[in-house]
Amino acid sequence: MPGISSEKLLKNPDLIKHSYKVRPHALIQYTEDVKNPYKEQLRNLDASLKYSINYLGSGVDMKGKDIALGSNYFIESGKCDDENSSDNCKGKTKYTYVRNIPTGTIPPLNLSFYNATGCNLTGLTEGRGLVPGLFEQVYDINPVELGRAIGGFGNLGSNSCKEMSLPVGYKIYDSKREDETWKWETKCTAGHHTMTETTDKDLNKAVRNQNPTIPNARLPGPLQLRENFEQTTESSHNKYSIILLLGCITALVCLRSAKLR
């Protein structure tokens, strides 16, 4: 869609709804209309895989086409400070990157088949479907991340901004649809504090190329237990946050065990 932008997406909610549409499978109603039963069975099998494994699990069909649902965009969220922000962001509007499209990395360990092997089994292991995306969305609002935001730290709470160029729109894993369904948008954001790698090596490389001043740049994401980016000035806060997160998980497990007894 030419001219797509965060502003356009927010002003036209139907565009965001469109990014969640699942294309239905065309069924043949009458048996006499079936010209080639073998080809029809293969077509139905492909559709079954798409609606079970691809949409729910991988976010990629068996031919490698991006079918991940959702859209990413920037929203205004305050002002950048004059003390720690980069020179080109001081005093400017701060934006938060809303990441609705799954990355494929499973929190809180930031793991994926791609991270473990450096490749994917097309249509099976990308982890950008609805179910992995649900885990990511829940983890995005975990108590530690919200606590860091209240304390003025991290991607949500900090006002220390840097310019980042990130993909805005939908079908962002399809490079052929750049400037059609998505484009690169540059904003001042605090999303550089903690970042998450996707399971698409081409997009990972493109994000790094678009943000040469940010070490190992990736899409903004919550703090993970296993971080693989370079240490920042917030490293001490990250350590305490990890300890707190482990404590919360341990407490929940203990409470659950006590109820079962």
C-alpha atoms as a PDB file:
ATOM      1  CA  MET A   1       0.000   0.000   0.000  1.00  0.00           C
ATOM      2  CA  PRO A   2       1.807   3.175  -1.204  1.00  0.00           C
ATOM      3  CA  GLY A   3       2.398   5.835   1.438  1.00  0.00           C
ATOM      4  CA  ILE A   4       1.989   3.523   4.431  1.00  0.00           C
ATOM      5  CA  SER A   5       3.196   5.003   7.731  1.00  0.00           C
ATOM      6  CA  SER A   6       2.602   4.827  11.474  1.00  0.00           C
ATOM      7  CA  GLU A   7       0.356   7.882  11.274  1.00  0.00           C
ATOM      8  CA  LYS A   8      -1.704   6.372   8.465  1.00  0.00           C
ATOM      9  CA  LEU A   9      -2.095   3.056  10.314  1.00  0.00           C
ATOM     10  CA  LEU A  10      -3.249   4.776  13.516  1.00  0.00           C
ATOM     11  CA  LYS A  11      -5.720   7.009  11.681  1.00  0.00           C
ATOM     12  CA  ASN A  12      -7.139   4.065   9.726  1.00  0.00           C
ATOM     13  CA  PRO A  13      -7.790   1.129  12.101  1.00  0.00           C
ATOM     14  CA  ASP A  14      -9.151  -0.877   9.154  1.00  0.00           C
ATOM     15  CA  LEU A  15      -5.591  -1.086   7.820  1.00  0.00           C
ATOM     16  CA  ILE A  16      -4.468  -2.730  11.065  1.00  0.00           C
ATOM     17  CA  LYS A  17      -7.474  -5.081  10.950  1.00  0.00           C
ATOM     18  CA  HIS A  18      -6.544  -5.964   7.383  1.00  0.00           C
ATOM     19  CA  SER A  19      -3.117  -7.155   8.549  1.00  0.00           C
ATOM     20  CA  TYR A  20      -4.854  -9.822  10.653  1.00  0.00           C
ATOM     21  CA  LYS A  21      -7.022 -11.210   7.858  1.00  0.00           C
ATOM     22  CA  VAL A  22      -6.648 -14.890   7.039  1.00  0.00           C
ATOM     23  CA  ARG A  23      -7.378 -15.781   3.420  1.00  0.00           C
ATOM     24  CA  PRO A  24      -9.992 -18.580   3.318  1.00  0.00           C
ATOM     25  CA  HIS A  25      -9.475 -21.743   1.317  1.00  0.00           C
ATOM     26  CA  ALA A  26     -11.676 -22.077  -1.781  1.00  0.00           C
ATOM     27  CA  LEU A  27     -13.561 -25.380  -1.607  1.00  0.00           C
ATOM     28  CA  ILE A  28     -15.204 -27.197  -4.501  1.00  0.00           C
ATOM     29  CA  GLN A  29     -18.822 -27.778  -3.553  1.00  0.00           C
ATOM     30  CA  TYR A  30     -19.796 -30.546  -5.956  1.00  0.00           C
ATOM     31  CA  THR A  31     -17.805 -33.686  -6.745  1.00  0.00           C
ATOM     32  CA  GLU A  32     -18.610 -33.404 -10.457  1.00  0.00           C
ATOM     33  CA  ASP A  33     -16.651 -30.144 -10.523  1.00  0.00           C
ATOM     34  CA  VAL A  34     -13.442 -31.924  -9.523  1.00  0.00           C
ATOM     35  CA  LYS A  35     -11.355 -32.192 -12.693  1.00  0.00           C
ATOM     36  CA  ASN A  36      -8.271 -33.795 -11.197  1.00  0.00           C
ATOM     37  CA  PRO A  37      -8.802 -35.605  -7.847  1.00  0.00           C
ATOM     38  CA  TYR A  38      -5.055 -36.019  -7.237  1.00  0.00           C
ATOM     39  CA  LYS A  39      -4.302 -32.313  -7.663  1.00  0.00           C
ATOM     40  CA  GLU A  40      -7.336 -31.419  -5.559  1.00  0.00           C
ATOM     41  CA  GLN A  41      -6.103 -33.646  -2.721  1.00  0.00           C
ATOM     42  CA  LEU A  42      -2.692 -31.987  -2.860  1.00  0.00           C
ATOM     43  CA  ARG A  43      -4.319 -28.560  -2.802  1.00  0.00           C
ATOM     44  CA  ASN A  44      -6.423 -29.509   0.221  1.00  0.00           C
ATOM     45  CA  LEU A  45      -3.380 -30.950   1.976  1.00  0.00           C
ATOM     46  CA  ASP A  46      -1.468 -27.699   1.385  1.00  0.00           C
ATOM     47  CA  ALA A  47      -4.407 -25.714   2.795  1.00  0.00           C
ATOM     48  CA  SER A  48      -4.563 -27.992   5.854  1.00  0.00           C
ATOM     49  CA  LEU A  49      -0.887 -27.399   6.556  1.00  0.00           C
ATOM     50  CA  LYS A  50      -1.318 -23.650   6.074  1.00  0.00           C
ATOM     51  CA  TYR A  51      -4.176 -23.350   8.582  1.00  0.00           C
ATOM     52  CA  SER A  52      -2.677 -25.716  11.168  1.00  0.00           C
ATOM     53  CA  ILE A  53       1.117 -25.442  11.106  1.00  0.00           C
ATOM     54  CA  ASN A  54       1.808 -22.307   9.091  1.00  0.00           C
ATOM     55  CA  TYR A  55      -0.669 -19.749  10.468  1.00  0.00           C
ATOM     56  CA  LEU A  56      -0.563 -21.121  14.018  1.00  0.00           C
ATOM     57  CA  GLY A  57       3.106 -22.047  14.270  1.00  0.00           C
ATOM     58  CA  SER A  58       5.599 -20.774  11.720  1.00  0.00           C
ATOM     59  CA  GLY A  59       4.018 -17.690  10.120  1.00  0.00           C
ATOM     60  CA  VAL A  60       5.490 -18.880   6.819  1.00  0.00           C
ATOM     61  CA  ASP A  61       3.828 -21.210   4.302  1.00  0.00           C
ATOM     62  CA  MET A  62       5.541 -24.281   2.868  1.00  0.00           C
ATOM     63  CA  LYS A  63       6.653 -22.266  -0.185  1.00  0.00           C
ATOM     64  CA  GLY A  64       8.404 -19.665   1.982  1.00  0.00           C
ATOM     65  CA  LYS A  65       5.763 -16.927   1.694  1.00  0.00           C
ATOM     66  CA  ASP A  66       5.402 -14.626   4.710  1.00  0.00           C
ATOM     67  CA  ILE A  67       1.932 -15.059   6.240  1.00  0.00           C
ATOM     68  CA  ALA A  68       2.695 -13.694   9.736  1.00  0.00           C
ATOM     69  CA  LEU A  69      -0.239 -11.644  11.008  1.00  0.00           C
ATOM     70  CA  GLY A  70      -0.195  -8.176  12.570  1.00  0.00           C
ATOM     71  CA  SER A  71       1.400  -4.800  11.955  1.00  0.00           C
ATOM     72  CA  ASN A  72       4.179  -2.774  13.586  1.00  0.00           C
ATOM     73  CA  TYR A  73       4.167   0.996  14.073  1.00  0.00           C
ATOM     74  CA  PHE A  74       5.395   3.907  16.225  1.00  0.00           C
ATOM     75  CA  ILE A  75       3.235   5.776  18.750  1.00  0.00           C
ATOM     76  CA  GLU A  76       4.022   9.037  20.554  1.00  0.00           C
ATOM     77  CA  SER A  77       4.972   8.468  24.193  1.00  0.00           C
ATOM     78  CA  GLY A  78       6.404  11.638  25.712  1.00  0.00           C
ATOM     79  CA  LYS A  79       9.589  13.631  25.144  1.00  0.00           C
ATOM     80  CA  CYS A  80      13.245  12.731  24.897  1.00  0.00           C
ATOM     81  CA  ASP A  81      15.426  14.127  27.672  1.00  0.00           C
ATOM     82  CA  ASP A  82      18.226  16.627  27.116  1.00  0.00           C
ATOM     83  CA  GLU A  83      20.788  14.785  29.226  1.00  0.00           C
ATOM     84  CA  ASN A  84      21.209  11.258  27.849  1.00  0.00           C
ATOM     85  CA  SER A  85      19.524  11.404  24.442  1.00  0.00           C
ATOM     86  CA  SER A  86      21.587  11.643  21.281  1.00  0.00           C
ATOM     87  CA  ASP A  87      22.087  15.157  19.951  1.00  0.00           C
ATOM     88  CA  ASN A  88      19.558  14.761  17.137  1.00  0.00           C
ATOM     89  CA  CYS A  89      16.846  13.627  19.591  1.00  0.00           C
ATOM     90  CA  LYS A  90      17.229  15.996  22.548  1.00  0.00           C
ATOM     91  CA  GLY A  91      13.917  17.665  23.379  1.00  0.00           C
ATOM     92  CA  LYS A  92      12.097  15.935  20.528  1.00  0.00           C
ATOM     93  CA  THR A  93       8.987  13.747  20.689  1.00  0.00           C
ATOM     94  CA  LYS A  94       9.708  10.240  21.951  1.00  0.00           C
ATOM     95  CA  TYR A  95       8.146   7.317  20.097  1.00  0.00           C
ATOM     96  CA  THR A  96       7.561   3.757  21.270  1.00  0.00           C
ATOM     97  CA  TYR A  97       7.792   0.977  18.711  1.00  0.00           C
ATOM     98  CA  VAL A  98       4.704  -1.260  18.918  1.00  0.00           C
ATOM     99  CA  ARG A  99       5.778  -4.728  17.777  1.00  0.00           C
ATOM    100  CA  ASN A 100       2.686  -6.797  17.028  1.00  0.00           C
ATOM    101  CA  ILE A 101       4.251  -9.090  14.423  1.00  0.00           C
ATOM    102  CA  PRO A 102       5.946 -12.077  16.140  1.00  0.00           C
ATOM    103  CA  THR A 103       9.739 -12.246  15.946  1.00  0.00           C
ATOM    104  CA  GLY A 104       9.967 -16.025  16.300  1.00  0.00           C
ATOM    105  CA  THR A 105      12.214 -15.981  19.390  1.00  0.00           C
ATOM    106  CA  ILE A 106      10.691 -17.619  22.459  1.00  0.00           C
ATOM    107  CA  PRO A 107      10.914 -15.649  25.738  1.00  0.00           C
ATOM    108  CA  PRO A 108      12.282 -15.460  28.344  1.00  0.00           C
ATOM    109  CA  LEU A 109      15.362 -17.305  27.039  1.00  0.00           C
ATOM    110  CA  ASN A 110      15.359 -15.573  23.645  1.00  0.00           C
ATOM    111  CA  LEU A 111      15.700 -18.947  21.927  1.00  0.00           C
ATOM    112  CA  SER A 112      14.641 -20.238  18.525  1.00  0.00           C
ATOM    113  CA  PHE A 113      15.521 -22.948  16.039  1.00  0.00           C
ATOM    114  CA  TYR A 114      17.232 -20.241  13.986  1.00  0.00           C
ATOM    115  CA  ASN A 115      19.378 -19.087  16.933  1.00  0.00           C
ATOM    116  CA  ALA A 116      20.417 -22.668  17.634  1.00  0.00           C
ATOM    117  CA  THR A 117      21.209 -23.738  14.067  1.00  0.00           C
ATOM    118  CA  GLY A 118      21.539 -20.565  11.979  1.00  0.00           C
ATOM    119  CA  CYS A 119      18.820 -21.713   9.569  1.00  0.00           C
ATOM    120  CA  ASN A 120      15.120 -22.594   9.348  1.00  0.00           C
ATOM    121  CA  LEU A 121      13.074 -25.490   8.015  1.00  0.00           C
ATOM    122  CA  THR A 122      10.792 -23.537   5.689  1.00  0.00           C
ATOM    123  CA  GLY A 123       7.221 -23.422   6.937  1.00  0.00           C
ATOM    124  CA  LEU A 124       7.992 -25.319  10.148  1.00  0.00           C
ATOM    125  CA  THR A 125      10.491 -23.663  12.497  1.00  0.00           C
ATOM    126  CA  GLU A 126      10.245 -19.889  11.955  1.00  0.00           C
ATOM    127  CA  GLY A 127       8.024 -19.502  15.053  1.00  0.00           C
ATOM    128  CA  ARG A 128       6.223 -16.393  13.775  1.00  0.00           C
ATOM    129  CA  GLY A 129       2.696 -17.814  13.947  1.00  0.00           C
ATOM    130  CA  LEU A 130      -0.220 -17.042  16.261  1.00  0.00           C
ATOM    131  CA  VAL A 131       0.732 -19.395  19.108  1.00  0.00           C
ATOM    132  CA  PRO A 132       4.395 -18.288  19.501  1.00  0.00           C
ATOM    133  CA  GLY A 133       3.188 -14.712  19.028  1.00  0.00           C
ATOM    134  CA  LEU A 134       0.845 -15.137  21.994  1.00  0.00           C
ATOM    135  CA  PHE A 135       3.779 -16.096  24.220  1.00  0.00           C
ATOM    136  CA  GLU A 136       5.701 -13.038  23.027  1.00  0.00           C
ATOM    137  CA  GLN A 137       2.783 -10.675  23.650  1.00  0.00           C
ATOM    138  CA  VAL A 138       2.231 -11.968  27.193  1.00  0.00           C
ATOM    139  CA  TYR A 139       5.934 -11.688  27.997  1.00  0.00           C
ATOM    140  CA  ASP A 140       6.029  -8.123  26.639  1.00  0.00           C
ATOM    141  CA  ILE A 141       3.931  -7.027  29.652  1.00  0.00           C
ATOM    142  CA  ASN A 142       5.588  -9.174  32.322  1.00  0.00           C
ATOM    143  CA  PRO A 143       5.862  -7.647  35.843  1.00  0.00           C
ATOM    144  CA  VAL A 144       9.586  -6.951  35.533  1.00  0.00           C
ATOM    145  CA  GLU A 145       9.175  -5.041  32.265  1.00  0.00           C
ATOM    146  CA  LEU A 146       6.332  -2.991  33.738  1.00  0.00           C
ATOM    147  CA  GLY A 147       8.380  -2.369  36.893  1.00  0.00           C
ATOM    148  CA  ARG A 148      11.310  -1.125  34.847  1.00  0.00           C
ATOM    149  CA  ALA A 149       8.952   1.199  32.964  1.00  0.00           C
ATOM    150  CA  ILE A 150       7.560   2.640  36.209  1.00  0.00           C
ATOM    151  CA  GLY A 151      11.121   3.140  37.443  1.00  0.00           C
ATOM    152  CA  GLY A 152      12.030   5.077  34.305  1.00  0.00           C
ATOM    153  CA  PHE A 153      14.194   2.384  32.710  1.00  0.00           C
ATOM    154  CA  GLY A 154      14.062   0.275  29.574  1.00  0.00           C
ATOM    155  CA  ASN A 155      12.267   0.749  26.283  1.00  0.00           C
ATOM    156  CA  LEU A 156       9.021   1.903  27.893  1.00  0.00           C
ATOM    157  CA  GLY A 157      10.143   4.025  30.840  1.00  0.00           C
ATOM    158  CA  SER A 158      13.391   5.649  29.779  1.00  0.00           C
ATOM    159  CA  ASN A 159      13.453   9.030  28.041  1.00  0.00           C
ATOM    160  CA  SER A 160      16.969   8.459  26.748  1.00  0.00           C
ATOM    161  CA  CYS A 161      16.397   8.405  22.994  1.00  0.00           C
ATOM    162  CA  LYS A 162      18.298   7.538  19.871  1.00  0.00           C
ATOM    163  CA  GLU A 163      17.199   7.603  16.273  1.00  0.00           C
ATOM    164  CA  MET A 164      16.199   4.168  15.004  1.00  0.00           C
ATOM    165  CA  SER A 165      14.996   3.139  11.564  1.00  0.00           C
ATOM    166  CA  LEU A 166      12.545   0.259  11.887  1.00  0.00           C
ATOM    167  CA  PRO A 167      10.013  -1.525   9.635  1.00  0.00           C
ATOM    168  CA  VAL A 168       6.490  -0.111   9.866  1.00  0.00           C
ATOM    169  CA  GLY A 169       3.427  -1.835   8.406  1.00  0.00           C
ATOM    170  CA  TYR A 170       2.688  -5.514   7.783  1.00  0.00           C
ATOM    171  CA  LYS A 171       4.328  -8.427   5.899  1.00  0.00           C
ATOM    172  CA  ILE A 172       7.684  -7.008   7.013  1.00  0.00           C
ATOM    173  CA  TYR A 173       9.467 -10.320   6.372  1.00  0.00           C
ATOM    174  CA  ASP A 174       8.733 -10.038   2.644  1.00  0.00           C
ATOM    175  CA  SER A 175      11.398  -7.745   1.182  1.00  0.00           C
ATOM    176  CA  LYS A 176       9.553  -7.671  -2.154  1.00  0.00           C
ATOM    177  CA  ARG A 177       6.648  -5.851  -0.494  1.00  0.00           C
ATOM    178  CA  GLU A 178       8.755  -2.992   0.868  1.00  0.00           C
ATOM    179  CA  ASP A 179       7.065   0.345   0.071  1.00  0.00           C
ATOM    180  CA  GLU A 180       3.870  -1.616  -0.637  1.00  0.00           C
ATOM    181  CA  THR A 181       2.761  -3.043   2.724  1.00  0.00           C
ATOM    182  CA  TRP A 182       5.654  -1.744   4.846  1.00  0.00           C
ATOM    183  CA  LYS A 183       8.517   0.744   4.842  1.00  0.00           C
ATOM    184  CA  TRP A 184      11.410   1.940   6.994  1.00  0.00           C
ATOM    185  CA  GLU A 185      10.515   4.756   9.383  1.00  0.00           C
ATOM    186  CA  THR A 186      13.001   6.751  11.440  1.00  0.00           C
ATOM    187  CA  LYS A 187      11.995   8.062  14.878  1.00  0.00           C
ATOM    188  CA  CYS A 188      13.580   9.055  18.173  1.00  0.00           C
ATOM    189  CA  THR A 189      12.916   6.153  20.528  1.00  0.00           C
ATOM    190  CA  ALA A 190      14.084   4.477  23.720  1.00  0.00           C
ATOM    191  CA  GLY A 191      13.747   1.102  22.000  1.00  0.00           C
ATOM    192  CA  HIS A 192      17.523   0.753  21.758  1.00  0.00           C
ATOM    193  CA  HIS A 193      17.886  -0.327  25.399  1.00  0.00           C
ATOM    194  CA  THR A 194      16.825  -3.959  24.925  1.00  0.00           C
ATOM    195  CA  MET A 195      16.301  -5.599  21.560  1.00  0.00           C
ATOM    196  CA  THR A 196      15.159  -8.919  20.141  1.00  0.00           C
ATOM    197  CA  GLU A 197      16.455 -10.787  17.108  1.00  0.00           C
ATOM    198  CA  THR A 198      13.957 -12.247  14.643  1.00  0.00           C
ATOM    199  CA  THR A 199      14.196 -15.650  12.954  1.00  0.00           C
ATOM    200  CA  ASP A 200      14.603 -13.970   9.562  1.00  0.00           C
ATOM    201  CA  LYS A 201      18.298 -13.416   8.834  1.00  0.00           C
ATOM    202  CA  ASP A 202      17.599 -10.988   5.979  1.00  0.00           C
ATOM    203  CA  LEU A 203      15.497  -8.682   8.153  1.00  0.00           C
ATOM    204  CA  ASN A 204      18.067  -8.902  10.967  1.00  0.00           C
ATOM    205  CA  LYS A 205      20.785  -7.808   8.553  1.00  0.00           C
ATOM    206  CA  ALA A 206      18.619  -5.022   7.151  1.00  0.00           C
ATOM    207  CA  VAL A 207      17.885  -3.638  10.651  1.00  0.00           C
ATOM    208  CA  ARG A 208      21.610  -3.576  11.439  1.00  0.00           C
ATOM    209  CA  ASN A 209      22.360  -1.818   8.149  1.00  0.00           C
ATOM    210  CA  GLN A 210      19.621   0.757   8.776  1.00  0.00           C
ATOM    211  CA  ASN A 211      21.028   1.523  12.262  1.00  0.00           C
ATOM    212  CA  PRO A 212      24.844   1.582  11.949  1.00  0.00           C
ATOM    213  CA  THR A 213      25.313   3.738  15.083  1.00  0.00           C
ATOM    214  CA  ILE A 214      23.544   1.229  17.370  1.00  0.00           C
ATOM    215  CA  PRO A 215      25.653  -1.859  18.224  1.00  0.00           C
ATOM    216  CA  ASN A 216      23.999  -5.062  16.980  1.00  0.00           C
ATOM    217  CA  ALA A 217      20.708  -3.269  16.319  1.00  0.00           C
ATOM    218  CA  ARG A 218      17.544  -5.358  16.304  1.00  0.00           C
ATOM    219  CA  LEU A 219      13.824  -4.858  16.816  1.00  0.00           C
ATOM    220  CA  PRO A 220      12.960  -3.369  20.235  1.00  0.00           C
ATOM    221  CA  GLY A 221      11.803  -6.008  22.713  1.00  0.00           C
ATOM    222  CA  PRO A 222      11.618  -6.798  26.438  1.00  0.00           C
ATOM    223  CA  LEU A 223      14.562  -7.816  28.600  1.00  0.00           C
ATOM    224  CA  GLN A 224      15.410 -11.497  28.121  1.00  0.00           C
ATOM    225  CA  LEU A 225      17.187 -13.887  30.479  1.00  0.00           C
ATOM    226  CA  ARG A 226      19.683 -14.600  27.725  1.00  0.00           C
ATOM    227  CA  GLU A 227      20.865 -11.378  26.149  1.00  0.00           C
ATOM    228  CA  ASN A 228      23.211 -11.539  23.173  1.00  0.00           C
ATOM    229  CA  PHE A 229      23.772  -7.875  22.506  1.00  0.00           C
ATOM    230  CA  GLU A 230      26.633  -5.695  23.741  1.00  0.00           C
ATOM    231  CA  GLN A 231      26.455  -4.304  27.267  1.00  0.00           C
ATOM    232  CA  THR A 232      25.059  -0.802  27.655  1.00  0.00           C
ATOM    233  CA  THR A 233      25.088   1.745  30.454  1.00  0.00           C
ATOM    234  CA  GLU A 234      22.015  -0.007  31.835  1.00  0.00           C
ATOM    235  CA  SER A 235      23.862  -3.296  32.353  1.00  0.00           C
ATOM    236  CA  SER A 236      23.586  -3.084  36.153  1.00  0.00           C
ATOM    237  CA  HIS A 237      19.830  -2.460  35.945  1.00  0.00           C
ATOM    238  CA  ASN A 238      19.531  -5.406  33.565  1.00  0.00           C
ATOM    239  CA  LYS A 239      21.295  -7.706  36.025  1.00  0.00           C
ATOM    240  CA  TYR A 240      18.975  -6.715  38.859  1.00  0.00           C
ATOM    241  CA  SER A 241      15.959  -7.098  36.578  1.00  0.00           C
ATOM    242  CA  ILE A 242      17.029 -10.611  35.608  1.00  0.00           C
ATOM    243  CA  ILE A 243      17.442 -11.553  39.274  1.00  0.00           C
ATOM    244  CA  LEU A 244      13.993 -10.113  40.021  1.00  0.00           C
ATOM    245  CA  LEU A 245      12.449 -11.992  37.094  1.00  0.00           C
ATOM    246  CA  LEU A 246      13.989 -15.277  38.258  1.00  0.00           C
ATOM    247  CA  GLY A 247      12.647 -14.570  41.746  1.00  0.00           C
ATOM    248  CA  CYS A 248       9.133 -13.959  40.394  1.00  0.00           C
ATOM    249  CA  ILE A 249       9.204 -17.188  38.396  1.00  0.00           C
ATOM    250  CA  THR A 250      10.437 -19.146  41.418  1.00  0.00           C
ATOM    251  CA  ALA A 251       7.737 -17.621  43.640  1.00  0.00           C
ATOM    252  CA  LEU A 252       4.997 -18.490  41.138  1.00  0.00           C
ATOM    253  CA  VAL A 253       6.236 -22.081  40.901  1.00  0.00           C
ATOM    254  CA  CYS A 254       6.311 -22.394  44.695  1.00  0.00           C
ATOM    255  CA  LEU A 255       2.801 -20.953  45.059  1.00  0.00           C
ATOM    256  CA  ARG A 256       1.500 -23.282  42.382  1.00  0.00           C
ATOM    257  CA  SER A 257       3.107 -26.284  44.062  1.00  0.00           C
ATOM    258  CA  ALA A 258       1.632 -25.300  47.436  1.00  0.00           C
ATOM    259  CA  LYS A 259      -1.886 -25.137  45.970  1.00  0.00           C
ATOM    260  CA  LEU A 260      -1.549 -28.576  44.424  1.00  0.00           C
ATOM    261  CA  ARG A 261      -0.641 -30.189  47.763  1.00  0.00           C
END
